[in-house]
């Protein structure tokens, strides 16, 4: 995974670990060969959804060059377009908070 993609995930980490629908996203990651069965089981053995998402992101961050796109597609297939949109595939690595603050109608 490219550094810029890791940066996008890390900048939005807290939102992702709170909101990812773990089982659906992990299933799509497994189906697209981003994670292996053993990794999927490691995610599932975590007790809380938060911990499962932390494990999922930890594994994805260490996967190959297709992992970022695979995560985005898994989020889209799981119906989590809000999280899909957070993970832009561009040089823009602003956090969700910074993106909202940059909206022109919020200027004082």
C-alpha atoms as a PDB file:
ATOM      1  CA  UNK A   1       0.000   0.000   0.000  1.00  0.00           C
ATOM      2  CA  UNK A   2       1.294   3.426  -0.901  1.00  0.00           C
ATOM      3  CA  UNK A   3       2.211   5.825   1.898  1.00  0.00           C
ATOM      4  CA  UNK A   4      -0.408   8.355   0.808  1.00  0.00           C
ATOM      5  CA  UNK A   5      -3.104   5.688   1.153  1.00  0.00           C
ATOM      6  CA  UNK A   6      -1.840   4.737   4.603  1.00  0.00           C
ATOM      7  CA  UNK A   7      -1.976   8.417   5.518  1.00  0.00           C
ATOM      8  CA  UNK A   8      -5.622   8.695   4.416  1.00  0.00           C
ATOM      9  CA  UNK A   9      -6.559   5.699   6.565  1.00  0.00           C
ATOM     10  CA  UNK A  10      -4.595   6.985   9.555  1.00  0.00           C
ATOM     11  CA  UNK A  11      -6.100  10.483   9.316  1.00  0.00           C
ATOM     12  CA  UNK A  12      -9.605   8.994   9.411  1.00  0.00           C
ATOM     13  CA  UNK A  13      -8.772   6.122  11.750  1.00  0.00           C
ATOM     14  CA  UNK A  14     -11.041   7.082  14.643  1.00  0.00           C
ATOM     15  CA  UNK A  15     -14.081   7.434  12.383  1.00  0.00           C
ATOM     16  CA  UNK A  16     -13.329   4.151  10.645  1.00  0.00           C
ATOM     17  CA  UNK A  17     -12.924   2.094  13.827  1.00  0.00           C
ATOM     18  CA  UNK A  18     -16.194   3.456  15.186  1.00  0.00           C
ATOM     19  CA  UNK A  19     -18.316   3.013  12.061  1.00  0.00           C
ATOM     20  CA  UNK A  20     -17.126   0.100   9.914  1.00  0.00           C
ATOM     21  CA  UNK A  21     -19.631  -2.768   9.683  1.00  0.00           C
ATOM     22  CA  UNK A  22     -16.950  -5.316  10.392  1.00  0.00           C
ATOM     23  CA  UNK A  23     -18.481  -8.569   9.234  1.00  0.00           C
ATOM     24  CA  UNK A  24     -19.675  -7.244   5.869  1.00  0.00           C
ATOM     25  CA  UNK A  25     -16.441  -5.392   5.103  1.00  0.00           C
ATOM     26  CA  UNK A  26     -14.256  -8.327   6.206  1.00  0.00           C
ATOM     27  CA  UNK A  27     -16.291 -10.692   4.028  1.00  0.00           C
ATOM     28  CA  UNK A  28     -15.817  -8.455   0.982  1.00  0.00           C
ATOM     29  CA  UNK A  29     -12.090  -8.111   1.723  1.00  0.00           C
ATOM     30  CA  UNK A  30     -11.845 -11.894   1.963  1.00  0.00           C
ATOM     31  CA  UNK A  31     -13.836 -12.406  -1.253  1.00  0.00           C
ATOM     32  CA  UNK A  32     -11.507 -10.044  -3.112  1.00  0.00           C
ATOM     33  CA  UNK A  33      -8.375 -11.775  -1.713  1.00  0.00           C
ATOM     34  CA  UNK A  34      -7.214  -8.752   0.255  1.00  0.00           C
ATOM     35  CA  UNK A  35      -7.249 -10.758   3.490  1.00  0.00           C
ATOM     36  CA  UNK A  36      -6.878 -14.493   3.991  1.00  0.00           C
ATOM     37  CA  UNK A  37      -9.135 -16.818   5.966  1.00  0.00           C
ATOM     38  CA  UNK A  38      -6.774 -16.772   8.951  1.00  0.00           C
ATOM     39  CA  UNK A  39      -6.871 -12.985   9.020  1.00  0.00           C
ATOM     40  CA  UNK A  40     -10.666 -12.967   8.814  1.00  0.00           C
ATOM     41  CA  UNK A  41     -10.752 -15.323  11.791  1.00  0.00           C
ATOM     42  CA  UNK A  42      -8.377 -13.055  13.740  1.00  0.00           C
ATOM     43  CA  UNK A  43     -10.786 -10.175  13.171  1.00  0.00           C
ATOM     44  CA  UNK A  44     -13.786 -12.244  14.236  1.00  0.00           C
ATOM     45  CA  UNK A  45     -12.151 -13.396  17.496  1.00  0.00           C
ATOM     46  CA  UNK A  46     -11.900  -9.844  18.805  1.00  0.00           C
ATOM     47  CA  UNK A  47     -14.615  -9.211  21.405  1.00  0.00           C
ATOM     48  CA  UNK A  48     -15.936  -5.778  20.496  1.00  0.00           C
ATOM     49  CA  UNK A  49     -16.794  -4.210  17.152  1.00  0.00           C
ATOM     50  CA  UNK A  50     -14.262  -1.472  17.900  1.00  0.00           C
ATOM     51  CA  UNK A  51     -11.483  -4.031  18.469  1.00  0.00           C
ATOM     52  CA  UNK A  52     -12.522  -5.965  15.362  1.00  0.00           C
ATOM     53  CA  UNK A  53     -12.233  -2.794  13.296  1.00  0.00           C
ATOM     54  CA  UNK A  54      -8.839  -1.984  14.795  1.00  0.00           C
ATOM     55  CA  UNK A  55      -7.641  -5.461  13.805  1.00  0.00           C
ATOM     56  CA  UNK A  56      -9.157  -5.141  10.333  1.00  0.00           C
ATOM     57  CA  UNK A  57      -7.413  -1.819   9.687  1.00  0.00           C
ATOM     58  CA  UNK A  58      -4.155  -3.097  11.128  1.00  0.00           C
ATOM     59  CA  UNK A  59      -4.205  -6.021   8.711  1.00  0.00           C
ATOM     60  CA  UNK A  60      -5.235  -3.943   5.704  1.00  0.00           C
ATOM     61  CA  UNK A  61      -2.470  -1.407   6.343  1.00  0.00           C
ATOM     62  CA  UNK A  62       0.094  -4.204   5.991  1.00  0.00           C
ATOM     63  CA  UNK A  63      -1.322  -5.713   2.822  1.00  0.00           C
ATOM     64  CA  UNK A  64      -0.140  -5.156  -0.729  1.00  0.00           C
ATOM     65  CA  UNK A  65      -0.754  -2.454  -3.307  1.00  0.00           C
ATOM     66  CA  UNK A  66      -4.379  -3.486  -3.943  1.00  0.00           C
ATOM     67  CA  UNK A  67      -5.405  -3.234  -0.282  1.00  0.00           C
ATOM     68  CA  UNK A  68      -6.474   0.411  -0.294  1.00  0.00           C
ATOM     69  CA  UNK A  69      -8.688   0.042  -3.348  1.00  0.00           C
ATOM     70  CA  UNK A  70      -9.975  -3.242  -1.918  1.00  0.00           C
ATOM     71  CA  UNK A  71     -10.937  -1.561   1.347  1.00  0.00           C
ATOM     72  CA  UNK A  72     -12.738   1.218  -0.501  1.00  0.00           C
ATOM     73  CA  UNK A  73     -14.634  -1.301  -2.636  1.00  0.00           C
ATOM     74  CA  UNK A  74     -15.505  -3.393   0.444  1.00  0.00           C
ATOM     75  CA  UNK A  75     -16.948  -0.293   2.107  1.00  0.00           C
ATOM     76  CA  UNK A  76     -18.973   0.500  -1.018  1.00  0.00           C
ATOM     77  CA  UNK A  77     -20.290  -3.063  -1.297  1.00  0.00           C
ATOM     78  CA  UNK A  78     -21.204  -3.010   2.403  1.00  0.00           C
ATOM     79  CA  UNK A  79     -23.303   0.103   1.786  1.00  0.00           C
ATOM     80  CA  UNK A  80     -20.967   2.413   3.697  1.00  0.00           C
ATOM     81  CA  UNK A  81     -20.606   5.110   1.086  1.00  0.00           C
ATOM     82  CA  UNK A  82     -19.873   7.736   3.749  1.00  0.00           C
ATOM     83  CA  UNK A  83     -16.728   5.848   4.747  1.00  0.00           C
ATOM     84  CA  UNK A  84     -15.939   5.102   1.102  1.00  0.00           C
ATOM     85  CA  UNK A  85     -15.960   8.852   0.427  1.00  0.00           C
ATOM     86  CA  UNK A  86     -13.638   9.513   3.379  1.00  0.00           C
ATOM     87  CA  UNK A  87     -10.982   7.386   1.746  1.00  0.00           C
ATOM     88  CA  UNK A  88     -10.309   9.477  -1.317  1.00  0.00           C
ATOM     89  CA  UNK A  89      -7.771   8.100  -3.757  1.00  0.00           C
ATOM     90  CA  UNK A  90      -6.041  11.428  -4.221  1.00  0.00           C
ATOM     91  CA  UNK A  91      -3.205  13.443  -2.792  1.00  0.00           C
ATOM     92  CA  UNK A  92      -5.749  15.082  -0.481  1.00  0.00           C
ATOM     93  CA  UNK A  93      -5.245  13.487   2.922  1.00  0.00           C
ATOM     94  CA  UNK A  94      -7.239  15.911   5.052  1.00  0.00           C
ATOM     95  CA  UNK A  95      -9.119  14.424   7.947  1.00  0.00           C
ATOM     96  CA  UNK A  96     -12.902  14.391   7.970  1.00  0.00           C
ATOM     97  CA  UNK A  97     -12.897  17.291  10.452  1.00  0.00           C
ATOM     98  CA  UNK A  98     -10.582  19.369   8.251  1.00  0.00           C
ATOM     99  CA  UNK A  99     -12.739  18.675   5.182  1.00  0.00           C
ATOM    100  CA  UNK A 100     -15.852  19.932   6.958  1.00  0.00           C
ATOM    101  CA  UNK A 101     -14.028  22.990   8.322  1.00  0.00           C
ATOM    102  CA  UNK A 102     -12.957  23.896   4.793  1.00  0.00           C
ATOM    103  CA  UNK A 103     -16.549  24.241   3.564  1.00  0.00           C
ATOM    104  CA  UNK A 104     -16.928  27.914   2.536  1.00  0.00           C
ATOM    105  CA  UNK A 105     -20.306  28.443   4.198  1.00  0.00           C
ATOM    106  CA  UNK A 106     -18.786  27.649   7.598  1.00  0.00           C
ATOM    107  CA  UNK A 107     -16.352  30.577   7.495  1.00  0.00           C
ATOM    108  CA  UNK A 108     -17.021  33.100  10.279  1.00  0.00           C
END
